[in-house]
Protein backbone atom coordinates (compact mmCIF):
# COMPACT_ATOMS: atom_id res chain seq x y z
CA MET A 1 44.22 10.13 -131.52
CA LYS A 2 47.74 8.77 -131.07
CA ASN A 3 50.21 11.56 -130.43
CA LEU A 4 53.28 9.81 -129.01
CA LEU A 5 55.71 7.36 -130.61
CA LEU A 6 57.36 5.23 -127.91
CA VAL A 7 60.39 3.30 -129.19
CA THR A 8 62.10 1.04 -126.65
CA ASP A 9 64.94 -1.44 -126.62
CA LEU A 10 64.07 -4.82 -125.09
CA ASP A 11 66.91 -6.57 -123.24
CA HIS A 12 68.03 -4.73 -120.10
CA THR A 13 65.70 -1.81 -120.91
CA LEU A 14 62.07 -2.89 -121.14
CA VAL A 15 62.96 -6.36 -119.85
CA GLY A 16 64.96 -7.16 -116.72
CA ASP A 17 62.65 -6.36 -113.79
CA ARG A 18 59.29 -8.09 -113.95
CA HIS A 19 57.66 -5.95 -111.27
CA ALA A 20 58.73 -2.75 -113.05
CA LEU A 21 57.50 -4.20 -116.35
CA ALA A 22 54.10 -5.06 -114.87
CA CYS A 23 53.74 -1.49 -113.56
CA LEU A 24 54.72 -0.05 -116.94
CA ASN A 25 52.32 -2.37 -118.77
CA GLN A 26 49.53 -1.09 -116.55
CA THR A 27 50.47 2.52 -117.35
CA LEU A 28 50.71 1.80 -121.07
CA GLY A 29 47.41 -0.03 -120.97
CA THR A 30 45.66 3.20 -119.96
CA LEU A 31 47.50 5.15 -122.67
CA ARG A 32 47.39 2.77 -125.64
CA SER A 33 44.83 4.91 -127.47
CA ARG A 34 47.44 7.69 -127.52
CA ILE A 35 50.70 5.78 -128.04
CA HIS A 36 52.33 4.08 -131.03
CA LEU A 37 54.46 1.35 -129.39
CA VAL A 38 57.59 0.06 -131.16
CA TYR A 39 60.20 -2.44 -129.99
CA ALA A 40 63.69 -1.67 -131.34
CA THR A 41 66.07 -4.52 -130.65
CA GLY A 42 69.24 -6.22 -131.81
CA ARG A 43 67.36 -9.52 -131.71
CA SER A 44 65.89 -11.21 -134.76
CA LEU A 45 62.11 -11.08 -135.09
CA ALA A 46 61.85 -14.72 -133.97
CA GLY A 47 64.02 -14.04 -130.93
CA ALA A 48 62.06 -10.91 -130.07
CA ARG A 49 58.75 -12.77 -130.38
CA GLN A 50 60.06 -15.49 -128.08
CA LEU A 51 61.06 -12.87 -125.50
CA GLN A 52 57.60 -11.32 -125.82
CA GLN A 53 56.00 -14.64 -124.85
CA GLU A 54 58.45 -15.28 -122.01
CA GLU A 55 58.04 -11.83 -120.46
CA ASP A 56 54.38 -11.14 -121.31
CA LEU A 57 55.18 -8.04 -123.36
CA LEU A 58 52.42 -5.96 -124.87
CA GLU A 59 51.82 -6.34 -128.59
CA PRO A 60 53.46 -3.38 -130.38
CA GLU A 61 52.54 -1.75 -133.67
CA GLY A 62 56.11 -1.98 -134.87
CA TRP A 63 59.05 -4.35 -134.60
CA ALA A 64 62.38 -2.75 -135.53
CA THR A 65 64.60 -5.82 -135.29
CA GLY A 66 68.22 -6.57 -136.12
CA VAL A 67 69.37 -3.16 -134.77
CA GLY A 68 66.97 -1.37 -137.11
CA SER A 69 67.82 -3.48 -140.15
CA ALA A 70 64.24 -4.75 -140.54
CA LEU A 71 60.87 -3.14 -139.84
CA LEU A 72 57.54 -4.87 -139.38
CA TRP A 73 54.63 -2.43 -139.10
CA CYS A 74 51.15 -3.59 -138.11
CA GLY A 75 52.14 -7.14 -138.97
CA GLU A 76 53.52 -6.41 -142.44
CA PRO A 77 57.07 -5.75 -143.70
CA ASP A 78 57.61 -2.05 -144.41
CA LEU A 79 58.74 -2.20 -148.05
CA ALA A 80 59.61 1.50 -148.22
CA TRP A 81 62.05 1.01 -145.33
CA ASP A 82 63.60 -1.99 -147.10
CA ARG A 83 64.14 0.03 -150.28
CA GLN A 84 65.85 2.76 -148.26
CA LEU A 85 68.37 0.27 -146.88
CA GLN A 86 69.50 -0.97 -150.29
CA HIS A 87 71.50 2.17 -151.07
CA HIS A 88 75.31 1.81 -150.77
CA TRP A 89 75.05 -1.64 -149.17
CA ASP A 90 77.20 -4.57 -150.36
CA ARG A 91 76.86 -7.31 -147.76
CA PRO A 92 78.78 -10.01 -149.68
CA ALA A 93 81.77 -7.70 -150.15
CA LEU A 94 81.78 -6.77 -146.46
CA SER A 95 81.61 -10.42 -145.44
CA ALA A 96 84.49 -11.33 -147.74
CA LEU A 97 86.57 -8.41 -146.49
CA LEU A 98 86.25 -9.43 -142.84
CA SER A 99 86.44 -13.21 -143.31
CA SER A 100 90.17 -13.19 -142.51
CA TRP A 101 89.86 -11.21 -139.26
CA SER A 102 90.71 -13.75 -136.56
CA ASP A 103 89.38 -11.45 -133.81
CA LEU A 104 85.86 -11.57 -135.28
CA ILE A 105 83.54 -14.56 -134.95
CA LEU A 106 80.49 -14.63 -137.21
CA GLN A 107 77.26 -14.83 -135.24
CA PRO A 108 74.79 -17.67 -136.03
CA ALA A 109 72.64 -17.47 -139.16
CA SER A 110 69.60 -16.76 -136.99
CA GLU A 111 71.15 -13.40 -136.03
CA GLN A 112 71.96 -12.34 -139.61
CA THR A 113 69.63 -10.44 -141.94
CA PRO A 114 69.97 -9.18 -145.52
CA TYR A 115 70.77 -5.77 -144.03
CA LYS A 116 72.84 -6.77 -140.99
CA LEU A 117 76.19 -8.51 -140.72
CA SER A 118 76.88 -9.50 -137.11
CA TYR A 119 79.95 -10.71 -135.27
CA GLU A 120 81.15 -11.47 -131.76
CA LEU A 121 84.57 -10.23 -130.72
CA ALA A 122 86.88 -13.12 -129.86
CA LYS A 123 88.14 -11.02 -126.95
CA PRO A 124 85.76 -8.43 -125.45
CA CYS A 125 87.19 -4.92 -125.34
CA MET A 126 86.13 -1.68 -123.70
CA GLY A 127 87.27 1.94 -123.53
CA PRO A 128 90.39 2.94 -125.53
CA GLU A 129 90.92 -0.61 -126.78
CA ALA A 130 87.42 -0.69 -128.28
CA HIS A 131 87.96 2.74 -129.83
CA GLN A 132 91.21 1.59 -131.47
CA PHE A 133 89.52 -1.53 -132.85
CA GLU A 134 86.68 0.53 -134.25
CA GLN A 135 89.09 2.99 -135.87
CA ARG A 136 91.00 0.11 -137.51
CA LEU A 137 87.76 -1.35 -138.83
CA ARG A 138 86.55 1.97 -140.22
CA ALA A 139 89.90 2.54 -141.93
CA THR A 140 89.67 -0.92 -143.52
CA LEU A 141 86.21 -0.14 -144.87
CA ARG A 142 87.34 3.19 -146.30
CA HIS A 143 90.34 1.59 -147.99
CA ALA A 144 88.02 -0.99 -149.59
CA ASP A 145 85.56 1.77 -150.60
CA LEU A 146 82.74 0.06 -148.71
CA GLN A 147 80.07 1.88 -146.70
CA ALA A 148 78.54 0.56 -143.49
CA GLN A 149 77.56 1.70 -140.06
CA VAL A 150 79.76 0.20 -137.35
CA VAL A 151 77.80 -0.50 -134.18
CA PHE A 152 79.48 -1.81 -131.03
CA SER A 153 77.50 -2.88 -127.98
CA SER A 154 78.12 -4.67 -124.69
CA GLY A 155 81.86 -4.76 -125.33
CA CYS A 156 81.64 -7.90 -127.47
CA GLN A 157 79.01 -7.46 -130.19
CA LEU A 158 79.65 -5.87 -133.58
CA ASP A 159 76.98 -5.13 -136.17
CA LEU A 160 77.56 -3.74 -139.64
CA LEU A 161 74.50 -2.02 -141.07
CA PRO A 162 73.59 -0.11 -144.23
CA PRO A 163 74.31 3.64 -144.02
CA ALA A 164 70.55 4.30 -143.86
CA ALA A 165 69.81 1.73 -141.12
CA GLY A 166 69.97 1.79 -137.33
CA LYS A 167 67.64 2.43 -134.44
CA GLY A 168 67.90 6.20 -134.80
CA ALA A 169 67.20 6.09 -138.52
CA VAL A 170 64.15 3.86 -138.13
CA THR A 171 62.84 6.14 -135.38
CA GLY A 172 63.14 9.16 -137.68
CA TYR A 173 61.48 7.22 -140.49
CA LEU A 174 58.52 6.31 -138.27
CA GLN A 175 58.24 9.85 -136.94
CA ARG A 176 57.83 11.12 -140.50
CA LYS A 177 55.58 8.22 -141.50
CA LEU A 178 53.21 9.01 -138.64
CA GLY A 179 53.34 12.79 -139.12
CA LEU A 180 54.62 13.48 -135.60
CA ARG A 181 56.94 16.21 -134.31
CA PRO A 182 60.24 15.28 -132.62
CA ASP A 183 58.81 16.27 -129.24
CA GLN A 184 56.14 13.58 -129.74
CA VAL A 185 58.76 10.82 -129.77
CA LEU A 186 60.34 9.01 -126.78
CA CYS A 187 63.21 6.51 -127.15
CA CYS A 188 64.52 4.26 -124.38
CA GLY A 189 67.74 2.26 -124.20
CA ASP A 190 70.72 0.90 -122.27
CA SER A 191 73.60 0.02 -124.63
CA GLY A 192 75.84 1.17 -127.46
CA ASN A 193 73.44 0.21 -130.22
CA ASP A 194 70.90 2.61 -128.70
CA ARG A 195 73.10 5.68 -129.12
CA SER A 196 71.71 6.69 -132.50
CA MET A 197 68.14 6.87 -131.21
CA LEU A 198 69.00 8.36 -127.80
CA GLY A 199 70.99 11.11 -129.51
CA GLY A 200 68.19 12.09 -131.90
CA PRO A 201 66.18 15.33 -131.90
CA TRP A 202 63.41 13.74 -129.83
CA TRP A 203 63.08 12.80 -126.16
CA GLY A 204 65.11 9.92 -124.78
CA VAL A 205 65.63 8.10 -121.50
CA MET A 206 68.71 6.13 -120.46
CA VAL A 207 68.10 3.51 -117.80
CA SER A 208 70.21 3.64 -114.61
CA ASN A 209 71.59 0.16 -115.44
CA ALA A 210 73.03 1.42 -118.75
CA ARG A 211 76.12 -0.27 -120.19
CA PRO A 212 79.53 1.42 -119.74
CA GLU A 213 79.81 2.32 -123.44
CA LEU A 214 76.51 4.21 -123.30
CA LEU A 215 77.49 6.01 -120.10
CA ALA A 216 80.80 7.05 -121.69
CA TRP A 217 78.93 8.40 -124.72
CA TRP A 218 76.45 10.26 -122.50
CA ARG A 219 79.23 11.94 -120.52
CA GLN A 220 80.78 13.16 -123.76
CA VAL A 221 77.64 14.21 -125.66
CA ARG A 222 74.99 14.96 -123.00
CA PRO A 223 72.04 15.61 -125.36
CA ASP A 224 69.63 18.20 -124.01
CA THR A 225 66.67 15.93 -124.71
CA LEU A 226 68.03 12.84 -122.92
CA LEU A 227 66.92 11.96 -119.41
CA ARG A 228 69.42 9.91 -117.40
CA SER A 229 66.95 8.19 -115.13
CA HIS A 230 67.74 7.04 -111.60
CA CYS A 231 65.35 4.13 -112.25
CA HIS A 232 66.32 0.86 -113.88
CA HIS A 233 64.75 -1.20 -116.66
CA ALA A 234 61.05 -0.57 -117.35
CA ALA A 235 60.77 1.75 -114.34
CA ALA A 236 62.92 4.28 -116.22
CA ILE A 237 60.41 4.36 -119.08
CA ARG A 238 57.60 4.95 -116.61
CA HIS A 239 59.74 7.68 -114.99
CA ALA A 240 60.15 9.37 -118.38
CA LEU A 241 56.42 9.24 -119.12
CA GLN A 242 55.77 10.92 -115.75
CA THR A 243 58.63 13.45 -115.97
CA LEU A 244 59.09 14.66 -119.55
CA PRO A 245 56.59 17.00 -121.27
CA LEU A 246 54.80 14.28 -123.20
CA LEU A 247 51.18 13.60 -124.15
CA GLY A 248 50.21 17.24 -123.71
CA ARG A 249 51.13 17.21 -120.02
CA GLU A 250 53.40 19.62 -118.23
CA GLY A 251 56.79 18.21 -117.34
CA SER A 252 60.39 19.20 -116.81
CA GLN A 253 61.74 22.11 -118.77
CA GLY A 254 65.09 22.69 -120.45
CA ARG A 255 67.81 20.03 -120.20
CA ALA A 256 66.66 16.56 -119.31
CA GLY A 257 70.00 15.72 -117.69
CA GLU A 258 69.82 13.88 -114.42
CA PRO A 259 66.63 13.93 -112.32
């Protein structure tokens, strides 16, 4: 019986150290009868499938692609998830509103989905500068009476998503779909678009090679259920499986914090 939902980002989390990935694959191979495996990524499904072939990734049950704007479950689109995303989402109006912003460059069509509008920043920004840009964007959306999640990552990528989308939202949806408790869920990530799932009511692990924006968020929020691993890439996921109280095993108690 499967009693753990493992949701992991791909680039710079699961992928990035082939030796660590091989060790994790071996661990997961012995646990597959107990684990629902889901890849949650900003990539398109085609891009994620290509990475799977290049890096010899295990076949998951779920693909949450486009920063949680699309969900494929057991090889089929999850229509209930799609219906959830339709509420309060006007992609054409958002695109028209931002078409005149010279500091935003529309990403290629391959990176767009019906429920994701993606840009590159013409000039990468971090820290206070990124916060100011985000505040200006949110104010523009409010003034236009448009709703969207604003997701920054890696200092140069901007995704606009439906209010009901995102990696955290899709994790909660799958938790309920599978009838699991929050303590039967583990999320793993490295960047700003992982914040929503790493800050959820379930277990999380942040890799040691996390992006600055995620580290800044962690220092401010410090969720009790988030492990800041000293291991990088896939080794951090293996560390979490060995450290946190998962799969009916005894593990650390209280705050996850730093190991």
